Amino acid sequence: MSAILALDNVSLGYGQRTILKDISLTVAQGEVVALMGGSGSGKTTLLRAATGQLKARSGSIKLFGQEVNSFDNKSLREARQRMGVLFQQGALFTDLNVFENVAFPLREHLSLPNEQLQQTVLDKLAAVGLRAAAHLKVSEISGGMARRVALARAIVMNPELILYDEPFAGLDPIAVGVTARLIRHLSTTLHCGSLIITHDVAETFEIADQVYLIGQGAIKAKGTPAELRDAVDPYVEQFLRGLPDGPVKFDYPLSAEFEAWLVKHTGCS
């Protein structure tokens, strides 16, 4: 299988802060890869780098075989048209109804006959169980339904790579199971790569081919779901079992930037 997305010893950060160091990860055609870790561990930062929103400080990020840091605006736009992204908050257009939200990428990038456009949108809405909600306003649907509309929009152009940022957030247990099976089905039928950013261990382990667990700025473990279940690493065990005590601390770690801010605003450290 050829790699659609490949990170090799990548370091990422904002300002003076380095969030992730020496990250290596690949997503191949037809493969479901999960990136898991606690809140603030850098999962969404990696997603921004994969879409060209954040440049790597060091290392290599290749998308469809090309170095992302070398893209000009035209190349980046063309690469993004080959991708689908399910944003963490859905990012629906509130002034458009459900149908037009899903149709938006088709209208923006393609010139389809109206009949074909309508059928494509309705088919994608049917895939997420919302065909009969096509006429509704965004304000008339629940948060869980909005997530499914966003998923339909992410897949409407049959992308080669789909990035899912917390795809199970806000969904009821039935919708979580259906969404998980849909992600697996799309990767298989479209032969696309799928990268899932998630906290949901049970459903993700049912569909993922490879799992990367990140924490403390680095990849702590990687392997198949079965391999991670058998791992004896304290970090892996704490995360997978949801243990309150272990190497992962609840408090956000202290930093030089915070200490400087605290002195500036309070006069004490």
C-alpha atoms as a PDB file:
ATOM      1  CA  MET A   1       0.000   0.000   0.000  1.00  0.00           C
ATOM      2  CA  SER A   2       1.323   3.441  -0.947  1.00  0.00           C
ATOM      3  CA  ALA A   3       1.432   6.161   1.726  1.00  0.00           C
ATOM      4  CA  ILE A   4      -0.996   9.033   1.205  1.00  0.00           C
ATOM      5  CA  LEU A   5       0.213  10.899   4.282  1.00  0.00           C
ATOM      6  CA  ALA A   6       3.695  10.390   5.750  1.00  0.00           C
ATOM      7  CA  LEU A   7       5.348  12.198   8.654  1.00  0.00           C
ATOM      8  CA  ASP A   8       9.033  11.516   9.288  1.00  0.00           C
ATOM      9  CA  ASN A   9      10.656  12.815  12.508  1.00  0.00           C
ATOM     10  CA  VAL A  10       8.407  15.886  12.532  1.00  0.00           C
ATOM     11  CA  SER A  11       8.499  18.555  15.221  1.00  0.00           C
ATOM     12  CA  LEU A  12       5.626  21.044  15.584  1.00  0.00           C
ATOM     13  CA  GLY A  13       4.878  24.013  17.787  1.00  0.00           C
ATOM     14  CA  TYR A  14       3.567  27.546  18.254  1.00  0.00           C
ATOM     15  CA  GLY A  15       5.781  30.526  19.039  1.00  0.00           C
ATOM     16  CA  GLN A  16       8.446  29.414  21.501  1.00  0.00           C
ATOM     17  CA  ARG A  17       6.568  26.239  22.459  1.00  0.00           C
ATOM     18  CA  THR A  18       7.338  22.881  20.905  1.00  0.00           C
ATOM     19  CA  ILE A  19       4.223  20.708  21.111  1.00  0.00           C
ATOM     20  CA  LEU A  20       5.387  17.530  19.361  1.00  0.00           C
ATOM     21  CA  LYS A  21       8.866  16.171  18.643  1.00  0.00           C
ATOM     22  CA  ASP A  22      10.172  13.430  16.347  1.00  0.00           C
ATOM     23  CA  ILE A  23       6.740  12.262  15.186  1.00  0.00           C
ATOM     24  CA  SER A  24       6.717   9.569  12.491  1.00  0.00           C
ATOM     25  CA  LEU A  25       3.400   8.306  11.149  1.00  0.00           C
ATOM     26  CA  THR A  26       1.989   6.980   7.877  1.00  0.00           C
ATOM     27  CA  VAL A  27      -1.496   6.566   6.459  1.00  0.00           C
ATOM     28  CA  ALA A  28      -1.862   4.305   3.412  1.00  0.00           C
ATOM     29  CA  GLN A  29      -4.647   3.746   0.912  1.00  0.00           C
ATOM     30  CA  GLY A  30      -7.541   1.770   2.368  1.00  0.00           C
ATOM     31  CA  GLU A  31      -6.113   2.051   5.887  1.00  0.00           C
ATOM     32  CA  VAL A  32      -7.747   3.412   9.048  1.00  0.00           C
ATOM     33  CA  VAL A  33      -5.162   4.970  11.375  1.00  0.00           C
ATOM     34  CA  ALA A  34      -6.082   6.289  14.810  1.00  0.00           C
ATOM     35  CA  LEU A  35      -4.170   8.999  16.664  1.00  0.00           C
ATOM     36  CA  MET A  36      -5.075   8.899  20.337  1.00  0.00           C
ATOM     37  CA  GLY A  37      -3.982  10.805  23.417  1.00  0.00           C
ATOM     38  CA  GLY A  38      -5.209  12.984  26.244  1.00  0.00           C
ATOM     39  CA  SER A  39      -6.558  16.504  25.904  1.00  0.00           C
ATOM     40  CA  GLY A  40      -3.793  18.948  25.012  1.00  0.00           C
ATOM     41  CA  SER A  41      -1.428  16.206  23.843  1.00  0.00           C
ATOM     42  CA  GLY A  42      -1.086  17.700  20.353  1.00  0.00           C
ATOM     43  CA  LYS A  43      -3.489  15.625  18.269  1.00  0.00           C
ATOM     44  CA  THR A  44      -5.201  18.588  16.616  1.00  0.00           C
ATOM     45  CA  THR A  45      -1.818  20.274  16.104  1.00  0.00           C
ATOM     46  CA  LEU A  46      -0.773  17.283  14.020  1.00  0.00           C
ATOM     47  CA  LEU A  47      -4.014  17.547  12.040  1.00  0.00           C
ATOM     48  CA  ARG A  48      -3.262  21.200  11.245  1.00  0.00           C
ATOM     49  CA  ALA A  49       0.161  20.201   9.975  1.00  0.00           C
ATOM     50  CA  ALA A  50      -1.311  17.475   7.773  1.00  0.00           C
ATOM     51  CA  THR A  51      -3.615  20.011   6.097  1.00  0.00           C
ATOM     52  CA  GLY A  52      -0.862  22.572   5.571  1.00  0.00           C
ATOM     53  CA  GLN A  53      -2.126  25.044   8.180  1.00  0.00           C
ATOM     54  CA  LEU A  54       1.003  24.624  10.290  1.00  0.00           C
ATOM     55  CA  LYS A  55       4.527  24.146   8.939  1.00  0.00           C
ATOM     56  CA  ALA A  56       6.872  21.582  10.429  1.00  0.00           C
ATOM     57  CA  ARG A  57       9.794  23.013  12.373  1.00  0.00           C
ATOM     58  CA  SER A  58      11.870  20.015  11.400  1.00  0.00           C
ATOM     59  CA  GLY A  59      11.354  16.692   9.669  1.00  0.00           C
ATOM     60  CA  SER A  60       9.257  15.886   6.616  1.00  0.00           C
ATOM     61  CA  ILE A  61       5.511  15.879   5.956  1.00  0.00           C
ATOM     62  CA  LYS A  62       4.496  14.373   2.632  1.00  0.00           C
ATOM     63  CA  LEU A  63       0.951  14.521   1.303  1.00  0.00           C
ATOM     64  CA  PHE A  64       0.194  12.472  -1.820  1.00  0.00           C
ATOM     65  CA  GLY A  65       3.951  11.989  -2.189  1.00  0.00           C
ATOM     66  CA  GLN A  66       4.833  15.705  -2.137  1.00  0.00           C
ATOM     67  CA  GLU A  67       6.504  17.733   0.600  1.00  0.00           C
ATOM     68  CA  VAL A  68       3.865  19.931   2.267  1.00  0.00           C
ATOM     69  CA  ASN A  69       6.360  22.644   3.245  1.00  0.00           C
ATOM     70  CA  SER A  70       7.197  23.105  -0.451  1.00  0.00           C
ATOM     71  CA  PHE A  71       3.584  23.696  -1.555  1.00  0.00           C
ATOM     72  CA  ASP A  72       2.664  27.051  -3.008  1.00  0.00           C
ATOM     73  CA  ASN A  73      -0.917  28.275  -2.621  1.00  0.00           C
ATOM     74  CA  LYS A  74      -2.074  26.565  -5.837  1.00  0.00           C
ATOM     75  CA  SER A  75      -0.504  23.208  -4.933  1.00  0.00           C
ATOM     76  CA  LEU A  76      -1.921  23.341  -1.422  1.00  0.00           C
ATOM     77  CA  ARG A  77      -5.401  24.146  -2.729  1.00  0.00           C
ATOM     78  CA  GLU A  78      -5.243  21.241  -5.173  1.00  0.00           C
ATOM     79  CA  ALA A  79      -4.075  18.856  -2.440  1.00  0.00           C
ATOM     80  CA  ARG A  80      -6.884  19.937  -0.135  1.00  0.00           C
ATOM     81  CA  GLN A  81      -9.432  19.179  -2.855  1.00  0.00           C
ATOM     82  CA  ARG A  82      -8.280  15.557  -2.651  1.00  0.00           C
ATOM     83  CA  MET A  83      -8.983  15.505   1.091  1.00  0.00           C
ATOM     84  CA  GLY A  84     -12.046  15.457   3.273  1.00  0.00           C
ATOM     85  CA  VAL A  85     -11.986  16.899   6.788  1.00  0.00           C
ATOM     86  CA  LEU A  86     -14.491  16.360   9.564  1.00  0.00           C
ATOM     87  CA  PHE A  87     -13.860  19.298  11.885  1.00  0.00           C
ATOM     88  CA  GLN A  88     -14.176  18.885  15.641  1.00  0.00           C
ATOM     89  CA  GLN A  89     -17.031  21.402  15.892  1.00  0.00           C
ATOM     90  CA  GLY A  90     -18.663  20.459  12.590  1.00  0.00           C
ATOM     91  CA  ALA A  91     -18.178  23.973  11.122  1.00  0.00           C
ATOM     92  CA  LEU A  92     -21.507  23.999   9.289  1.00  0.00           C
ATOM     93  CA  PHE A  93     -22.789  27.142   7.572  1.00  0.00           C
ATOM     94  CA  THR A  94     -25.690  28.276   9.717  1.00  0.00           C
ATOM     95  CA  ASP A  95     -27.324  30.251   6.904  1.00  0.00           C
ATOM     96  CA  LEU A  96     -27.523  27.156   4.648  1.00  0.00           C
ATOM     97  CA  ASN A  97     -29.816  24.185   5.079  1.00  0.00           C
ATOM     98  CA  VAL A  98     -28.568  20.610   5.463  1.00  0.00           C
ATOM     99  CA  PHE A  99     -28.620  19.893   1.715  1.00  0.00           C
ATOM    100  CA  GLU A 100     -26.697  23.035   0.779  1.00  0.00           C
ATOM    101  CA  ASN A 101     -24.083  22.442   3.495  1.00  0.00           C
ATOM    102  CA  VAL A 102     -23.268  19.057   1.976  1.00  0.00           C
ATOM    103  CA  ALA A 103     -23.501  20.411  -1.570  1.00  0.00           C
ATOM    104  CA  PHE A 104     -21.117  23.296  -0.862  1.00  0.00           C
ATOM    105  CA  PRO A 105     -17.837  21.549  -1.859  1.00  0.00           C
ATOM    106  CA  LEU A 106     -19.420  20.283  -5.089  1.00  0.00           C
ATOM    107  CA  ARG A 107     -20.660  23.742  -6.038  1.00  0.00           C
ATOM    108  CA  GLU A 108     -17.302  25.284  -5.079  1.00  0.00           C
ATOM    109  CA  HIS A 109     -14.996  22.919  -6.950  1.00  0.00           C
ATOM    110  CA  LEU A 110     -16.996  21.080  -9.629  1.00  0.00           C
ATOM    111  CA  SER A 111     -19.500  21.899 -12.362  1.00  0.00           C
ATOM    112  CA  LEU A 112     -21.960  19.030 -12.067  1.00  0.00           C
ATOM    113  CA  PRO A 113     -25.351  18.854 -13.759  1.00  0.00           C
ATOM    114  CA  ASN A 114     -28.020  19.713 -11.212  1.00  0.00           C
ATOM    115  CA  GLU A 115     -29.539  16.222 -11.265  1.00  0.00           C
ATOM    116  CA  GLN A 116     -26.161  14.591 -10.580  1.00  0.00           C
ATOM    117  CA  LEU A 117     -25.382  17.055  -7.796  1.00  0.00           C
ATOM    118  CA  GLN A 118     -28.725  16.407  -6.112  1.00  0.00           C
ATOM    119  CA  GLN A 119     -28.308  12.639  -6.316  1.00  0.00           C
ATOM    120  CA  THR A 120     -24.758  12.763  -4.966  1.00  0.00           C
ATOM    121  CA  VAL A 121     -25.750  14.891  -1.979  1.00  0.00           C
ATOM    122  CA  LEU A 122     -28.798  12.787  -1.168  1.00  0.00           C
ATOM    123  CA  ASP A 123     -26.718   9.598  -1.405  1.00  0.00           C
ATOM    124  CA  LYS A 124     -24.171  10.957   1.070  1.00  0.00           C
ATOM    125  CA  LEU A 125     -26.920  12.101   3.429  1.00  0.00           C
ATOM    126  CA  ALA A 126     -28.460   8.634   3.168  1.00  0.00           C
ATOM    127  CA  ALA A 127     -25.111   7.125   4.140  1.00  0.00           C
ATOM    128  CA  VAL A 128     -25.236   8.995   7.471  1.00  0.00           C
ATOM    129  CA  GLY A 129     -28.980   8.387   7.958  1.00  0.00           C
ATOM    130  CA  LEU A 130     -30.118  11.943   7.237  1.00  0.00           C
ATOM    131  CA  ARG A 131     -31.578  11.870   3.723  1.00  0.00           C
ATOM    132  CA  ALA A 132     -34.971  12.947   5.041  1.00  0.00           C
ATOM    133  CA  ALA A 133     -33.395  15.892   6.872  1.00  0.00           C
ATOM    134  CA  ALA A 134     -32.040  17.530   3.692  1.00  0.00           C
ATOM    135  CA  HIS A 135     -34.542  20.408   3.872  1.00  0.00           C
ATOM    136  CA  LEU A 136     -33.937  21.336   7.509  1.00  0.00           C
ATOM    137  CA  LYS A 137     -32.080  24.404   8.717  1.00  0.00           C
ATOM    138  CA  VAL A 138     -28.967  23.889  10.845  1.00  0.00           C
ATOM    139  CA  SER A 139     -30.845  25.478  13.760  1.00  0.00           C
ATOM    140  CA  GLU A 140     -33.491  22.750  13.463  1.00  0.00           C
ATOM    141  CA  ILE A 141     -31.177  19.770  13.939  1.00  0.00           C
ATOM    142  CA  SER A 142     -29.493  18.393  17.053  1.00  0.00           C
ATOM    143  CA  GLY A 143     -25.780  18.564  17.768  1.00  0.00           C
ATOM    144  CA  GLY A 144     -25.393  14.889  16.950  1.00  0.00           C
ATOM    145  CA  MET A 145     -27.207  15.323  13.651  1.00  0.00           C
ATOM    146  CA  ALA A 146     -24.986  18.296  12.824  1.00  0.00           C
ATOM    147  CA  ARG A 147     -21.933  16.054  13.280  1.00  0.00           C
ATOM    148  CA  ARG A 148     -23.381  13.592  10.789  1.00  0.00           C
ATOM    149  CA  VAL A 149     -24.141  16.363   8.292  1.00  0.00           C
ATOM    150  CA  ALA A 150     -20.520  17.474   8.611  1.00  0.00           C
ATOM    151  CA  LEU A 151     -19.421  13.898   7.931  1.00  0.00           C
ATOM    152  CA  ALA A 152     -21.570  13.744   4.803  1.00  0.00           C
ATOM    153  CA  ARG A 153     -19.955  16.979   3.599  1.00  0.00           C
ATOM    154  CA  ALA A 154     -16.465  15.593   4.315  1.00  0.00           C
ATOM    155  CA  ILE A 155     -17.057  12.584   2.045  1.00  0.00           C
ATOM    156  CA  VAL A 156     -19.182  14.186  -0.677  1.00  0.00           C
ATOM    157  CA  MET A 157     -16.272  14.466  -3.156  1.00  0.00           C
ATOM    158  CA  ASN A 158     -15.059  10.894  -2.556  1.00  0.00           C
ATOM    159  CA  PRO A 159     -11.695  12.055  -1.169  1.00  0.00           C
ATOM    160  CA  GLU A 160      -8.467  10.054  -1.230  1.00  0.00           C
ATOM    161  CA  LEU A 161      -7.688  10.998   2.373  1.00  0.00           C
ATOM    162  CA  ILE A 162     -10.191  11.735   5.119  1.00  0.00           C
ATOM    163  CA  LEU A 163      -9.172  13.385   8.387  1.00  0.00           C
ATOM    164  CA  TYR A 164     -11.587  12.959  11.282  1.00  0.00           C
ATOM    165  CA  ASP A 165     -11.207  15.269  14.295  1.00  0.00           C
ATOM    166  CA  GLU A 166     -13.139  13.612  17.149  1.00  0.00           C
ATOM    167  CA  PRO A 167     -15.781  12.007  14.871  1.00  0.00           C
ATOM    168  CA  PHE A 168     -17.675  10.389  17.759  1.00  0.00           C
ATOM    169  CA  ALA A 169     -18.049  13.523  19.911  1.00  0.00           C
ATOM    170  CA  GLY A 170     -21.654  14.457  20.648  1.00  0.00           C
ATOM    171  CA  LEU A 171     -23.141  11.277  19.164  1.00  0.00           C
ATOM    172  CA  ASP A 172     -25.460   8.881  20.969  1.00  0.00           C
ATOM    173  CA  PRO A 173     -24.271   5.253  21.368  1.00  0.00           C
ATOM    174  CA  ILE A 174     -26.145   4.024  18.285  1.00  0.00           C
ATOM    175  CA  ALA A 175     -24.814   6.841  16.106  1.00  0.00           C
ATOM    176  CA  VAL A 176     -21.276   6.183  17.380  1.00  0.00           C
ATOM    177  CA  GLY A 177     -21.471   2.565  16.241  1.00  0.00           C
ATOM    178  CA  VAL A 178     -22.940   3.501  12.863  1.00  0.00           C
ATOM    179  CA  THR A 179     -20.329   6.220  12.317  1.00  0.00           C
ATOM    180  CA  ALA A 180     -17.476   3.868  13.194  1.00  0.00           C
ATOM    181  CA  ARG A 181     -18.705   1.268  10.691  1.00  0.00           C
ATOM    182  CA  LEU A 182     -19.159   3.993   8.070  1.00  0.00           C
ATOM    183  CA  ILE A 183     -15.545   5.154   8.500  1.00  0.00           C
ATOM    184  CA  ARG A 184     -14.328   1.601   8.017  1.00  0.00           C
ATOM    185  CA  HIS A 185     -16.669   1.082   5.035  1.00  0.00           C
ATOM    186  CA  LEU A 186     -15.517   4.303   3.335  1.00  0.00           C
ATOM    187  CA  SER A 187     -11.847   3.386   3.670  1.00  0.00           C
ATOM    188  CA  THR A 188     -12.542   0.005   2.114  1.00  0.00           C
ATOM    189  CA  THR A 189     -14.906   1.003  -0.706  1.00  0.00           C
ATOM    190  CA  LEU A 190     -13.251   4.308  -1.664  1.00  0.00           C
ATOM    191  CA  HIS A 191      -9.780   2.854  -1.024  1.00  0.00           C
ATOM    192  CA  CYS A 192      -8.996   6.087   0.795  1.00  0.00           C
ATOM    193  CA  GLY A 193      -6.796   6.637   3.801  1.00  0.00           C
ATOM    194  CA  SER A 194      -8.447   7.636   7.071  1.00  0.00           C
ATOM    195  CA  LEU A 195      -6.791   9.369  10.027  1.00  0.00           C
ATOM    196  CA  ILE A 196      -8.965   9.528  13.144  1.00  0.00           C
ATOM    197  CA  ILE A 197      -8.199  11.898  16.012  1.00  0.00           C
ATOM    198  CA  THR A 198     -10.151  10.498  18.931  1.00  0.00           C
ATOM    199  CA  HIS A 199     -10.456   9.669  22.628  1.00  0.00           C
ATOM    200  CA  ASP A 200     -12.926   6.839  22.027  1.00  0.00           C
ATOM    201  CA  VAL A 201     -10.989   3.649  22.686  1.00  0.00           C
ATOM    202  CA  ALA A 202     -13.665   0.967  22.275  1.00  0.00           C
ATOM    203  CA  GLU A 203     -15.132   1.979  18.915  1.00  0.00           C
ATOM    204  CA  THR A 204     -11.777   3.034  17.457  1.00  0.00           C
ATOM    205  CA  PHE A 205     -10.113  -0.259  18.331  1.00  0.00           C
ATOM    206  CA  GLU A 206     -12.888  -2.075  16.468  1.00  0.00           C
ATOM    207  CA  ILE A 207     -12.092  -0.410  13.131  1.00  0.00           C
ATOM    208  CA  ALA A 208      -8.466   0.803  13.214  1.00  0.00           C
ATOM    209  CA  ASP A 209      -5.622  -0.936  11.408  1.00  0.00           C
ATOM    210  CA  GLN A 210      -2.942   1.010  13.277  1.00  0.00           C
ATOM    211  CA  VAL A 211      -3.060   3.099  16.452  1.00  0.00           C
ATOM    212  CA  TYR A 212      -0.585   5.787  17.520  1.00  0.00           C
ATOM    213  CA  LEU A 213      -0.740   6.914  21.144  1.00  0.00           C
ATOM    214  CA  ILE A 214       0.817  10.322  21.815  1.00  0.00           C
ATOM    215  CA  GLY A 215       1.611  12.033  25.080  1.00  0.00           C
ATOM    216  CA  GLN A 216       4.231  14.256  26.682  1.00  0.00           C
ATOM    217  CA  GLY A 217       5.122  15.585  23.224  1.00  0.00           C
ATOM    218  CA  ALA A 218       6.010  12.267  21.624  1.00  0.00           C
ATOM    219  CA  ILE A 219       4.606   8.988  20.344  1.00  0.00           C
ATOM    220  CA  LYS A 220       4.417   6.739  23.394  1.00  0.00           C
ATOM    221  CA  ALA A 221       3.253   3.602  21.583  1.00  0.00           C
ATOM    222  CA  LYS A 222       2.119   2.385  18.179  1.00  0.00           C
ATOM    223  CA  GLY A 223       0.789  -0.849  16.758  1.00  0.00           C
ATOM    224  CA  THR A 224      -2.382  -2.736  16.040  1.00  0.00           C
ATOM    225  CA  PRO A 225      -5.242  -2.529  18.558  1.00  0.00           C
ATOM    226  CA  ALA A 226      -4.386  -6.056  19.702  1.00  0.00           C
ATOM    227  CA  GLU A 227      -0.735  -5.110  20.266  1.00  0.00           C
ATOM    228  CA  LEU A 228      -1.672  -2.056  22.331  1.00  0.00           C
ATOM    229  CA  ARG A 229      -4.147  -4.044  24.427  1.00  0.00           C
ATOM    230  CA  ASP A 230      -1.281  -6.370  25.370  1.00  0.00           C
ATOM    231  CA  ALA A 231       1.188  -3.556  26.062  1.00  0.00           C
ATOM    232  CA  VAL A 232       2.579  -3.274  29.604  1.00  0.00           C
ATOM    233  CA  ASP A 233       3.730   0.355  29.295  1.00  0.00           C
ATOM    234  CA  PRO A 234       2.279   2.418  32.210  1.00  0.00           C
ATOM    235  CA  TYR A 235       1.260   5.277  29.908  1.00  0.00           C
ATOM    236  CA  VAL A 236      -0.607   2.959  27.535  1.00  0.00           C
ATOM    237  CA  GLU A 237      -2.286   1.120  30.399  1.00  0.00           C
ATOM    238  CA  GLN A 238      -3.393   4.351  32.060  1.00  0.00           C
ATOM    239  CA  PHE A 239      -4.878   5.787  28.877  1.00  0.00           C
ATOM    240  CA  LEU A 240      -6.655   2.657  27.677  1.00  0.00           C
ATOM    241  CA  ARG A 241      -8.093   1.862  31.100  1.00  0.00           C
ATOM    242  CA  GLY A 242      -8.857   5.471  32.062  1.00  0.00           C
ATOM    243  CA  LEU A 243      -6.911   5.270  35.316  1.00  0.00           C
ATOM    244  CA  PRO A 244      -6.738   8.524  37.342  1.00  0.00           C
ATOM    245  CA  ASP A 245      -3.220   7.798  38.613  1.00  0.00           C
ATOM    246  CA  GLY A 246      -0.199   7.249  36.389  1.00  0.00           C
ATOM    247  CA  PRO A 247       2.334   9.087  34.235  1.00  0.00           C
ATOM    248  CA  VAL A 248      -0.370  11.292  32.664  1.00  0.00           C
ATOM    249  CA  LYS A 249      -1.073  14.178  35.031  1.00  0.00           C
ATOM    250  CA  PHE A 250      -4.346  16.094  35.189  1.00  0.00           C
ATOM    251  CA  ASP A 251      -2.702  19.510  35.681  1.00  0.00           C
ATOM    252  CA  TYR A 252      -1.354  21.329  32.640  1.00  0.00           C
ATOM    253  CA  PRO A 253       2.468  21.308  32.919  1.00  0.00           C
ATOM    254  CA  LEU A 254       4.359  24.399  34.032  1.00  0.00           C
ATOM    255  CA  SER A 255       6.371  26.267  31.416  1.00  0.00           C
ATOM    256  CA  ALA A 256       8.784  29.183  31.241  1.00  0.00           C
ATOM    257  CA  GLU A 257       6.177  31.137  29.277  1.00  0.00           C
ATOM    258  CA  PHE A 258       3.626  30.731  32.098  1.00  0.00           C
ATOM    259  CA  GLU A 259       6.149  31.742  34.745  1.00  0.00           C
ATOM    260  CA  ALA A 260       6.995  34.891  32.769  1.00  0.00           C
ATOM    261  CA  TRP A 261       3.294  35.697  32.327  1.00  0.00           C
ATOM    262  CA  LEU A 262       2.596  35.151  36.012  1.00  0.00           C
ATOM    263  CA  VAL A 263       5.417  37.480  37.106  1.00  0.00           C
ATOM    264  CA  LYS A 264       4.258  40.145  34.644  1.00  0.00           C
ATOM    265  CA  HIS A 265       0.616  40.040  35.797  1.00  0.00           C
ATOM    266  CA  THR A 266       0.934  39.311  39.512  1.00  0.00           C
ATOM    267  CA  GLY A 267       4.479  40.254  40.410  1.00  0.00           C
ATOM    268  CA  CYS A 268       5.144  36.818  41.930  1.00  0.00           C
ATOM    269  CA  SER A 269       6.054  33.346  40.721  1.00  0.00           C
END
